[in-house]
Every structure is written in C-alpha cells, then in structure tokens.
Amino acid sequence: QVQLIESGGGSVQAGGSLNLSCEVAERIFHPISRMGWYRQPPGKEREFIANIIRAGSTNYAASVKGRFTISLLITKPTTTLQMNSLKPEDTAVYYCNVLYNGDSSWGQGTQVTVSS
C-alpha cells in the first residue's frame, strides 16, 4: 500500500465549487493503475464517485456526472476532483483511492459540507 495525502475539503454554499487533491506521498517504483474518489455521506455507506486510469479514461457516478471532473497528473502522481454546482446532498467525507501494484490504498478522508 502507499500513503496518500488529501487536501481541499471545506464548507461551501449550494451552487459553489471545491477542488480536492490527492497526492501519493512516497516514492513509487511502478506506474499507478488507477486513482479515484469515493465519499461517505452521514449515516450511509461509502460510495463510488469517479476514477481515472493511467491511459486517461474516466468513469463517474450518475449523481455527479456533468458536475465533477477528475484529472490525473502522472508525474506526481496526483489526482484532483473539481466539484462544481455543489448540492447539499454532496455533503460527505471524501476519500481518495489508488490502485498500485495490485493493492488498493485509501486516503485519510476530507470533509465536504454543502449548505443550502
């Protein structure tokens, strides 16, 4: 597993934007296979938001498609999640996930709160 450092969470009003970032915080010796984001709303299970593979293909949950954009900087490696048109139902702890050398690793989580 690899250590991940997340940043960028916070509080915003509905309709606002936030940008989350997740960086691999150690030296790696193999290419990252996939990086992505999940979230866990209060009282609910963790759910998939978006991911991006090394070749650049992306996948999004229906609930965020068209509002969120995931990107990947291979050289860092870092993934960012640009979140626009935020809704109160986007309130959750957001977790970064990376698939590296066959293992899945998670970030510590960052809180996103959207008020109406």
Protein backbone atom coordinates (compact mmCIF):
# COMPACT_ATOMS: atom_id res chain seq x y z
CA GLN A 1 0.00 0.00 0.00
CA VAL A 2 1.01 3.62 -0.49
CA GLN A 3 0.49 6.70 1.63
CA LEU A 4 -1.92 9.27 0.24
CA ILE A 5 -2.39 12.87 1.33
CA GLU A 6 -5.70 14.56 0.62
CA SER A 7 -6.46 18.27 0.72
CA GLY A 8 -9.08 20.74 -0.37
CA GLY A 9 -12.20 19.91 1.60
CA GLY A 10 -14.28 22.55 3.32
CA SER A 11 -17.66 24.22 3.54
CA VAL A 12 -19.48 25.91 0.69
CA GLN A 13 -22.97 27.06 -0.16
CA ALA A 14 -25.09 25.22 -2.67
CA GLY A 15 -24.05 26.07 -6.19
CA GLY A 16 -20.47 26.63 -5.17
CA SER A 17 -17.29 24.80 -6.11
CA LEU A 18 -14.47 22.97 -4.39
CA ASN A 19 -11.35 21.25 -5.62
CA LEU A 20 -9.99 18.17 -3.89
CA SER A 21 -6.45 16.92 -4.36
CA CYS A 22 -4.81 13.61 -3.54
CA GLU A 23 -1.09 13.05 -3.77
CA VAL A 24 0.95 9.89 -3.46
CA ALA A 25 3.21 10.83 -0.60
CA GLU A 26 6.04 8.42 -1.17
CA ARG A 27 8.35 7.24 -3.88
CA ILE A 28 6.85 4.56 -6.07
CA PHE A 29 8.53 2.13 -8.44
CA HIS A 30 5.65 1.06 -10.65
CA PRO A 31 3.04 3.01 -12.62
CA ILE A 32 -0.21 3.89 -10.90
CA SER A 33 -3.00 1.80 -12.42
CA ARG A 34 -5.97 3.85 -11.30
CA MET A 35 -6.86 6.71 -8.97
CA GLY A 36 -10.30 7.65 -7.85
CA TRP A 37 -12.63 9.19 -5.32
CA TYR A 38 -15.33 7.81 -3.06
CA ARG A 39 -17.50 9.51 -0.50
CA GLN A 40 -19.39 8.55 2.62
CA PRO A 41 -22.42 10.72 3.44
CA PRO A 42 -23.53 10.90 7.08
CA GLY A 43 -25.15 7.65 8.15
CA LYS A 44 -24.60 5.99 4.78
CA GLU A 45 -22.14 3.62 3.17
CA ARG A 46 -19.14 4.66 1.16
CA GLU A 47 -19.98 5.16 -2.50
CA PHE A 48 -18.07 5.48 -5.74
CA ILE A 49 -17.73 8.96 -7.24
CA ALA A 50 -15.18 8.89 -10.04
CA ASN A 51 -11.99 7.26 -11.21
CA ILE A 52 -9.37 7.68 -13.87
CA ILE A 53 -6.98 5.15 -15.28
CA ARG A 54 -3.44 5.76 -16.41
CA ALA A 55 -4.48 5.97 -20.07
CA GLY A 56 -6.84 8.79 -19.20
CA SER A 57 -10.24 7.12 -19.36
CA THR A 58 -12.67 8.30 -16.71
CA ASN A 59 -15.77 6.96 -15.01
CA TYR A 60 -18.33 8.90 -12.99
CA ALA A 61 -21.27 8.07 -10.79
CA ALA A 62 -24.54 9.24 -12.31
CA SER A 63 -25.11 11.57 -9.36
CA VAL A 64 -22.03 13.68 -10.16
CA LYS A 65 -21.63 13.32 -13.92
CA GLY A 66 -21.51 16.71 -15.58
CA ARG A 67 -20.70 18.48 -12.30
CA PHE A 68 -17.48 16.81 -11.15
CA THR A 69 -14.27 16.39 -13.16
CA ILE A 70 -11.43 14.07 -12.24
CA SER A 71 -7.91 14.52 -13.53
CA LEU A 72 -4.59 12.76 -13.09
CA LEU A 73 -1.05 14.06 -13.10
CA ILE A 74 1.07 11.02 -13.82
CA THR A 75 4.42 12.50 -12.89
CA LYS A 76 3.44 13.49 -9.37
CA PRO A 77 1.28 11.33 -9.14
CA THR A 78 -1.75 13.34 -8.07
CA THR A 79 -5.44 13.20 -8.75
CA THR A 80 -7.78 16.15 -8.41
CA LEU A 81 -11.55 16.30 -8.25
CA GLN A 82 -13.08 19.58 -9.38
CA MET A 83 -16.57 19.79 -7.95
CA ASN A 84 -18.96 22.37 -9.40
CA SER A 85 -22.65 23.11 -8.81
CA LEU A 86 -22.44 21.50 -5.41
CA LYS A 87 -25.64 20.36 -3.71
CA PRO A 88 -26.42 19.71 -0.04
CA GLU A 89 -26.59 16.00 -0.87
CA ASP A 90 -22.91 16.15 -1.84
CA THR A 91 -22.09 16.60 1.85
CA ALA A 92 -19.83 13.71 2.85
CA VAL A 93 -16.34 12.65 3.78
CA TYR A 94 -14.45 12.24 0.51
CA TYR A 95 -11.79 9.55 0.21
CA CYS A 96 -9.08 9.14 -2.38
CA ASN A 97 -8.28 5.63 -3.59
CA VAL A 98 -5.35 4.37 -5.61
CA LEU A 99 -4.71 1.02 -7.25
CA TYR A 100 -0.98 0.46 -7.27
CA ASN A 101 0.92 -2.74 -7.92
CA GLY A 102 -2.24 -4.76 -7.33
CA ASP A 103 -3.03 -3.18 -3.97
CA SER A 104 -5.73 -0.66 -3.08
CA SER A 105 -4.89 2.23 -0.75
CA TRP A 106 -7.09 4.89 0.84
CA GLY A 107 -6.53 8.47 1.88
CA GLN A 108 -7.47 9.75 5.32
CA GLY A 109 -10.64 11.44 4.08
CA THR A 110 -11.58 15.09 3.81
CA GLN A 111 -14.89 16.64 4.84
CA VAL A 112 -17.04 18.46 2.30
CA THR A 113 -20.08 20.29 3.63
CA VAL A 114 -22.59 21.97 1.33
CA SER A 115 -25.21 24.20 2.92
CA SER A 116 -28.49 25.16 1.32
